[in-house]
Amino acid sequence: METCVTIYQGQLRTQTTHVKSGYQIITDVPAEHGGRGESFSPTDLFCASLVSSMLTAMGGIARDPSFNGNFYGIKTRTTKTMSEKPGSPGNLSGLVIEFEMPKNGFTDDQRKRLEGAVRNSLVGKVLSTELKQTLIFNY
Protein backbone atom coordinates (compact mmCIF):
# COMPACT_ATOMS: atom_id res chain seq x y z
CA MET A 1 0.00 0.00 0.00
CA GLU A 2 1.37 3.41 -0.91
CA THR A 3 2.24 5.92 1.78
CA CYS A 4 0.96 9.06 0.12
CA VAL A 5 -0.61 10.32 -3.08
CA THR A 6 0.40 13.68 -4.54
CA ILE A 7 -1.54 15.58 -7.19
CA TYR A 8 -0.21 18.57 -9.11
CA GLN A 9 -2.90 21.28 -8.99
CA GLY A 10 -1.37 23.84 -11.33
CA GLN A 11 0.26 27.19 -10.57
CA LEU A 12 3.19 25.33 -8.94
CA ARG A 13 0.92 23.91 -6.21
CA THR A 14 0.65 20.29 -5.04
CA GLN A 15 -1.69 18.46 -2.71
CA THR A 16 -0.41 15.38 -0.91
CA THR A 17 -2.71 13.01 0.97
CA HIS A 18 -1.45 10.58 3.60
CA VAL A 19 -3.23 7.40 2.53
CA LYS A 20 -3.73 5.81 5.94
CA SER A 21 -5.06 8.89 7.76
CA GLY A 22 -6.41 11.08 4.97
CA TYR A 23 -4.48 14.12 6.26
CA GLN A 24 -3.48 16.54 3.52
CA ILE A 25 -0.60 18.93 2.92
CA ILE A 26 -0.53 21.67 0.30
CA THR A 27 2.74 23.04 -1.06
CA ASP A 28 3.11 26.32 -2.91
CA VAL A 29 6.11 27.90 -4.51
CA PRO A 30 6.76 31.43 -3.17
CA ALA A 31 5.13 34.26 -5.11
CA GLU A 32 8.53 35.71 -6.08
CA HIS A 33 9.19 32.46 -7.97
CA GLY A 34 5.84 32.35 -9.75
CA GLY A 35 3.75 30.44 -7.23
CA ARG A 36 0.93 31.48 -4.93
CA GLY A 37 3.03 31.51 -1.77
CA GLU A 38 0.00 30.51 0.32
CA SER A 39 1.50 27.46 2.04
CA PHE A 40 4.77 25.69 2.77
CA SER A 41 7.13 25.53 -0.19
CA PRO A 42 8.68 22.12 -0.92
CA THR A 43 11.92 23.25 0.74
CA ASP A 44 9.98 24.53 3.78
CA LEU A 45 8.36 21.12 4.06
CA PHE A 46 11.77 19.48 3.77
CA CYS A 47 12.99 21.60 6.71
CA ALA A 48 9.93 20.62 8.75
CA SER A 49 10.52 16.96 7.92
CA LEU A 50 14.16 17.12 8.99
CA VAL A 51 13.40 18.88 12.28
CA SER A 52 10.49 16.52 13.00
CA SER A 53 12.86 13.59 12.49
CA MET A 54 15.40 15.16 14.84
CA LEU A 55 12.81 15.81 17.56
CA THR A 56 11.42 12.29 17.18
CA ALA A 57 14.93 10.85 17.58
CA MET A 58 15.40 12.93 20.72
CA GLY A 59 12.02 11.74 21.99
CA GLY A 60 13.16 8.14 21.57
CA ILE A 61 16.23 8.82 23.70
CA ALA A 62 14.14 10.69 26.29
CA ARG A 63 12.00 7.59 26.89
CA ASP A 64 14.80 6.44 29.15
CA PRO A 65 13.52 6.69 32.76
CA SER A 66 16.56 8.81 33.72
CA PHE A 67 14.94 11.74 31.89
CA ASN A 68 11.97 11.72 34.30
CA GLY A 69 9.68 13.16 31.63
CA ASN A 70 11.86 16.28 31.36
CA PHE A 71 11.72 16.43 27.59
CA TYR A 72 8.47 18.15 26.69
CA GLY A 73 8.36 21.66 25.31
CA ILE A 74 11.38 21.74 23.02
CA LYS A 75 10.92 24.45 20.42
CA THR A 76 12.94 24.80 17.24
CA ARG A 77 13.52 27.67 14.86
CA THR A 78 14.76 26.81 11.39
CA THR A 79 16.27 29.23 8.91
CA LYS A 80 17.07 28.04 5.41
CA THR A 81 19.56 29.54 2.99
CA MET A 82 19.09 29.23 -0.73
CA SER A 83 22.10 29.16 -3.06
CA GLU A 84 22.97 32.32 -4.92
CA LYS A 85 25.60 30.59 -7.09
CA PRO A 86 25.32 31.24 -10.80
CA GLY A 87 23.87 28.18 -12.47
CA SER A 88 22.24 26.85 -9.30
CA PRO A 89 19.85 29.52 -8.04
CA GLY A 90 17.17 28.34 -5.69
CA ASN A 91 19.06 25.31 -4.40
CA LEU A 92 18.91 24.72 -0.66
CA SER A 93 22.46 25.34 0.55
CA GLY A 94 22.26 25.68 4.31
CA LEU A 95 20.15 25.35 7.43
CA VAL A 96 20.42 26.85 10.88
CA ILE A 97 18.35 24.88 13.38
CA GLU A 98 18.11 26.34 16.86
CA PHE A 99 16.76 24.18 19.67
CA GLU A 100 15.22 25.94 22.66
CA MET A 101 15.52 23.24 25.28
CA PRO A 102 13.31 23.22 28.37
CA LYS A 103 15.09 24.47 31.46
CA ASN A 104 14.97 21.07 33.13
CA GLY A 105 18.55 20.73 34.26
CA PHE A 106 19.69 18.08 31.77
CA THR A 107 22.89 16.37 32.82
CA ASP A 108 25.94 16.48 30.55
CA ASP A 109 25.30 12.85 29.62
CA GLN A 110 21.67 13.56 28.74
CA ARG A 111 22.68 16.54 26.61
CA LYS A 112 25.26 14.44 24.78
CA ARG A 113 22.72 11.69 24.11
CA LEU A 114 20.04 14.13 22.88
CA GLU A 115 22.42 15.98 20.60
CA GLY A 116 23.76 12.68 19.26
CA ALA A 117 20.22 11.61 18.42
CA VAL A 118 19.74 14.84 16.44
CA ARG A 119 22.91 14.23 14.44
CA ASN A 120 21.80 10.66 13.67
CA SER A 121 18.13 11.19 12.84
CA LEU A 122 16.72 9.06 10.04
CA VAL A 123 16.10 11.97 7.68
CA GLY A 124 19.39 13.65 8.56
CA LYS A 125 21.41 10.52 7.76
CA VAL A 126 20.43 10.58 4.08
CA LEU A 127 21.35 14.20 3.42
CA SER A 128 24.27 15.25 1.26
CA THR A 129 27.28 16.57 3.13
CA GLU A 130 27.07 19.57 0.78
CA LEU A 131 24.08 20.86 2.75
CA LYS A 132 25.59 22.96 5.53
CA GLN A 133 23.79 22.38 8.83
CA THR A 134 24.35 24.56 11.86
CA LEU A 135 22.80 23.14 15.02
CA ILE A 136 22.43 25.37 18.07
CA PHE A 137 21.26 23.99 21.41
CA ASN A 138 20.10 26.52 24.01
CA TYR A 139 19.69 24.94 27.42
C-alpha atoms as a PDB file:
ATOM      1  CA  MET A   1       0.000   0.000   0.000  1.00  0.00           C
ATOM      2  CA  GLU A   2       1.366   3.414  -0.909  1.00  0.00           C
ATOM      3  CA  THR A   3       2.245   5.924   1.784  1.00  0.00           C
ATOM      4  CA  CYS A   4       0.957   9.060   0.118  1.00  0.00           C
ATOM      5  CA  VAL A   5      -0.614  10.321  -3.084  1.00  0.00           C
ATOM      6  CA  THR A   6       0.404  13.683  -4.543  1.00  0.00           C
ATOM      7  CA  ILE A   7      -1.537  15.581  -7.193  1.00  0.00           C
ATOM      8  CA  TYR A   8      -0.213  18.571  -9.114  1.00  0.00           C
ATOM      9  CA  GLN A   9      -2.896  21.275  -8.993  1.00  0.00           C
ATOM     10  CA  GLY A  10      -1.371  23.842 -11.331  1.00  0.00           C
ATOM     11  CA  GLN A  11       0.263  27.187 -10.568  1.00  0.00           C
ATOM     12  CA  LEU A  12       3.194  25.335  -8.938  1.00  0.00           C
ATOM     13  CA  ARG A  13       0.919  23.909  -6.209  1.00  0.00           C
ATOM     14  CA  THR A  14       0.654  20.288  -5.045  1.00  0.00           C
ATOM     15  CA  GLN A  15      -1.693  18.458  -2.708  1.00  0.00           C
ATOM     16  CA  THR A  16      -0.409  15.385  -0.906  1.00  0.00           C
ATOM     17  CA  THR A  17      -2.711  13.009   0.967  1.00  0.00           C
ATOM     18  CA  HIS A  18      -1.447  10.582   3.604  1.00  0.00           C
ATOM     19  CA  VAL A  19      -3.228   7.404   2.530  1.00  0.00           C
ATOM     20  CA  LYS A  20      -3.725   5.813   5.944  1.00  0.00           C
ATOM     21  CA  SER A  21      -5.058   8.893   7.762  1.00  0.00           C
ATOM     22  CA  GLY A  22      -6.411  11.077   4.974  1.00  0.00           C
ATOM     23  CA  TYR A  23      -4.483  14.121   6.256  1.00  0.00           C
ATOM     24  CA  GLN A  24      -3.479  16.543   3.516  1.00  0.00           C
ATOM     25  CA  ILE A  25      -0.596  18.926   2.915  1.00  0.00           C
ATOM     26  CA  ILE A  26      -0.532  21.670   0.304  1.00  0.00           C
ATOM     27  CA  THR A  27       2.736  23.038  -1.065  1.00  0.00           C
ATOM     28  CA  ASP A  28       3.113  26.319  -2.910  1.00  0.00           C
ATOM     29  CA  VAL A  29       6.114  27.899  -4.507  1.00  0.00           C
ATOM     30  CA  PRO A  30       6.759  31.433  -3.170  1.00  0.00           C
ATOM     31  CA  ALA A  31       5.131  34.260  -5.110  1.00  0.00           C
ATOM     32  CA  GLU A  32       8.526  35.715  -6.079  1.00  0.00           C
ATOM     33  CA  HIS A  33       9.188  32.464  -7.969  1.00  0.00           C
ATOM     34  CA  GLY A  34       5.837  32.353  -9.754  1.00  0.00           C
ATOM     35  CA  GLY A  35       3.747  30.437  -7.225  1.00  0.00           C
ATOM     36  CA  ARG A  36       0.928  31.481  -4.925  1.00  0.00           C
ATOM     37  CA  GLY A  37       3.026  31.511  -1.766  1.00  0.00           C
ATOM     38  CA  GLU A  38       0.004  30.506   0.322  1.00  0.00           C
ATOM     39  CA  SER A  39       1.500  27.465   2.038  1.00  0.00           C
ATOM     40  CA  PHE A  40       4.766  25.688   2.765  1.00  0.00           C
ATOM     41  CA  SER A  41       7.131  25.530  -0.187  1.00  0.00           C
ATOM     42  CA  PRO A  42       8.679  22.116  -0.916  1.00  0.00           C
ATOM     43  CA  THR A  43      11.924  23.247   0.741  1.00  0.00           C
ATOM     44  CA  ASP A  44       9.980  24.532   3.781  1.00  0.00           C
ATOM     45  CA  LEU A  45       8.364  21.119   4.055  1.00  0.00           C
ATOM     46  CA  PHE A  46      11.774  19.485   3.766  1.00  0.00           C
ATOM     47  CA  CYS A  47      12.992  21.601   6.710  1.00  0.00           C
ATOM     48  CA  ALA A  48       9.929  20.619   8.748  1.00  0.00           C
ATOM     49  CA  SER A  49      10.524  16.955   7.922  1.00  0.00           C
ATOM     50  CA  LEU A  50      14.164  17.121   8.989  1.00  0.00           C
ATOM     51  CA  VAL A  51      13.401  18.877  12.279  1.00  0.00           C
ATOM     52  CA  SER A  52      10.490  16.516  13.004  1.00  0.00           C
ATOM     53  CA  SER A  53      12.862  13.592  12.486  1.00  0.00           C
ATOM     54  CA  MET A  54      15.404  15.165  14.837  1.00  0.00           C
ATOM     55  CA  LEU A  55      12.813  15.805  17.556  1.00  0.00           C
ATOM     56  CA  THR A  56      11.423  12.294  17.184  1.00  0.00           C
ATOM     57  CA  ALA A  57      14.926  10.848  17.578  1.00  0.00           C
ATOM     58  CA  MET A  58      15.395  12.934  20.722  1.00  0.00           C
ATOM     59  CA  GLY A  59      12.020  11.738  21.986  1.00  0.00           C
ATOM     60  CA  GLY A  60      13.162   8.142  21.572  1.00  0.00           C
ATOM     61  CA  ILE A  61      16.233   8.816  23.703  1.00  0.00           C
ATOM     62  CA  ALA A  62      14.143  10.689  26.286  1.00  0.00           C
ATOM     63  CA  ARG A  63      11.998   7.593  26.893  1.00  0.00           C
ATOM     64  CA  ASP A  64      14.799   6.437  29.154  1.00  0.00           C
ATOM     65  CA  PRO A  65      13.524   6.685  32.764  1.00  0.00           C
ATOM     66  CA  SER A  66      16.558   8.805  33.721  1.00  0.00           C
ATOM     67  CA  PHE A  67      14.944  11.738  31.893  1.00  0.00           C
ATOM     68  CA  ASN A  68      11.965  11.720  34.304  1.00  0.00           C
ATOM     69  CA  GLY A  69       9.683  13.160  31.635  1.00  0.00           C
ATOM     70  CA  ASN A  70      11.860  16.279  31.364  1.00  0.00           C
ATOM     71  CA  PHE A  71      11.721  16.427  27.586  1.00  0.00           C
ATOM     72  CA  TYR A  72       8.469  18.150  26.686  1.00  0.00           C
ATOM     73  CA  GLY A  73       8.362  21.659  25.307  1.00  0.00           C
ATOM     74  CA  ILE A  74      11.377  21.738  23.019  1.00  0.00           C
ATOM     75  CA  LYS A  75      10.916  24.455  20.425  1.00  0.00           C
ATOM     76  CA  THR A  76      12.936  24.801  17.241  1.00  0.00           C
ATOM     77  CA  ARG A  77      13.521  27.670  14.862  1.00  0.00           C
ATOM     78  CA  THR A  78      14.765  26.807  11.388  1.00  0.00           C
ATOM     79  CA  THR A  79      16.274  29.228   8.908  1.00  0.00           C
ATOM     80  CA  LYS A  80      17.073  28.039   5.410  1.00  0.00           C
ATOM     81  CA  THR A  81      19.556  29.538   2.991  1.00  0.00           C
ATOM     82  CA  MET A  82      19.088  29.227  -0.732  1.00  0.00           C
ATOM     83  CA  SER A  83      22.096  29.161  -3.059  1.00  0.00           C
ATOM     84  CA  GLU A  84      22.969  32.319  -4.919  1.00  0.00           C
ATOM     85  CA  LYS A  85      25.600  30.592  -7.092  1.00  0.00           C
ATOM     86  CA  PRO A  86      25.324  31.239 -10.799  1.00  0.00           C
ATOM     87  CA  GLY A  87      23.869  28.180 -12.466  1.00  0.00           C
ATOM     88  CA  SER A  88      22.243  26.853  -9.302  1.00  0.00           C
ATOM     89  CA  PRO A  89      19.846  29.518  -8.042  1.00  0.00           C
ATOM     90  CA  GLY A  90      17.174  28.336  -5.689  1.00  0.00           C
ATOM     91  CA  ASN A  91      19.063  25.311  -4.401  1.00  0.00           C
ATOM     92  CA  LEU A  92      18.908  24.720  -0.661  1.00  0.00           C
ATOM     93  CA  SER A  93      22.457  25.339   0.545  1.00  0.00           C
ATOM     94  CA  GLY A  94      22.256  25.680   4.308  1.00  0.00           C
ATOM     95  CA  LEU A  95      20.149  25.353   7.434  1.00  0.00           C
ATOM     96  CA  VAL A  96      20.418  26.855  10.881  1.00  0.00           C
ATOM     97  CA  ILE A  97      18.353  24.885  13.378  1.00  0.00           C
ATOM     98  CA  GLU A  98      18.112  26.336  16.860  1.00  0.00           C
ATOM     99  CA  PHE A  99      16.763  24.176  19.673  1.00  0.00           C
ATOM    100  CA  GLU A 100      15.224  25.940  22.660  1.00  0.00           C
ATOM    101  CA  MET A 101      15.521  23.239  25.278  1.00  0.00           C
ATOM    102  CA  PRO A 102      13.309  23.219  28.371  1.00  0.00           C
ATOM    103  CA  LYS A 103      15.090  24.473  31.459  1.00  0.00           C
ATOM    104  CA  ASN A 104      14.973  21.074  33.126  1.00  0.00           C
ATOM    105  CA  GLY A 105      18.555  20.726  34.258  1.00  0.00           C
ATOM    106  CA  PHE A 106      19.686  18.079  31.767  1.00  0.00           C
ATOM    107  CA  THR A 107      22.887  16.368  32.825  1.00  0.00           C
ATOM    108  CA  ASP A 108      25.941  16.484  30.553  1.00  0.00           C
ATOM    109  CA  ASP A 109      25.304  12.846  29.616  1.00  0.00           C
ATOM    110  CA  GLN A 110      21.671  13.556  28.742  1.00  0.00           C
ATOM    111  CA  ARG A 111      22.684  16.538  26.607  1.00  0.00           C
ATOM    112  CA  LYS A 112      25.260  14.436  24.783  1.00  0.00           C
ATOM    113  CA  ARG A 113      22.718  11.693  24.105  1.00  0.00           C
ATOM    114  CA  LEU A 114      20.038  14.127  22.884  1.00  0.00           C
ATOM    115  CA  GLU A 115      22.421  15.985  20.598  1.00  0.00           C
ATOM    116  CA  GLY A 116      23.763  12.676  19.259  1.00  0.00           C
ATOM    117  CA  ALA A 117      20.219  11.607  18.423  1.00  0.00           C
ATOM    118  CA  VAL A 118      19.741  14.838  16.442  1.00  0.00           C
ATOM    119  CA  ARG A 119      22.905  14.227  14.441  1.00  0.00           C
ATOM    120  CA  ASN A 120      21.802  10.657  13.672  1.00  0.00           C
ATOM    121  CA  SER A 121      18.131  11.190  12.845  1.00  0.00           C
ATOM    122  CA  LEU A 122      16.721   9.056  10.039  1.00  0.00           C
ATOM    123  CA  VAL A 123      16.101  11.971   7.678  1.00  0.00           C
ATOM    124  CA  GLY A 124      19.386  13.646   8.556  1.00  0.00           C
ATOM    125  CA  LYS A 125      21.405  10.516   7.756  1.00  0.00           C
ATOM    126  CA  VAL A 126      20.432  10.576   4.081  1.00  0.00           C
ATOM    127  CA  LEU A 127      21.351  14.201   3.416  1.00  0.00           C
ATOM    128  CA  SER A 128      24.267  15.253   1.259  1.00  0.00           C
ATOM    129  CA  THR A 129      27.279  16.566   3.129  1.00  0.00           C
ATOM    130  CA  GLU A 130      27.073  19.573   0.780  1.00  0.00           C
ATOM    131  CA  LEU A 131      24.079  20.865   2.752  1.00  0.00           C
ATOM    132  CA  LYS A 132      25.595  22.963   5.526  1.00  0.00           C
ATOM    133  CA  GLN A 133      23.793  22.381   8.828  1.00  0.00           C
ATOM    134  CA  THR A 134      24.351  24.560  11.861  1.00  0.00           C
ATOM    135  CA  LEU A 135      22.797  23.140  15.019  1.00  0.00           C
ATOM    136  CA  ILE A 136      22.434  25.367  18.074  1.00  0.00           C
ATOM    137  CA  PHE A 137      21.256  23.988  21.413  1.00  0.00           C
ATOM    138  CA  ASN A 138      20.102  26.520  24.006  1.00  0.00           C
ATOM    139  CA  TYR A 139      19.692  24.942  27.420  1.00  0.00           C
END
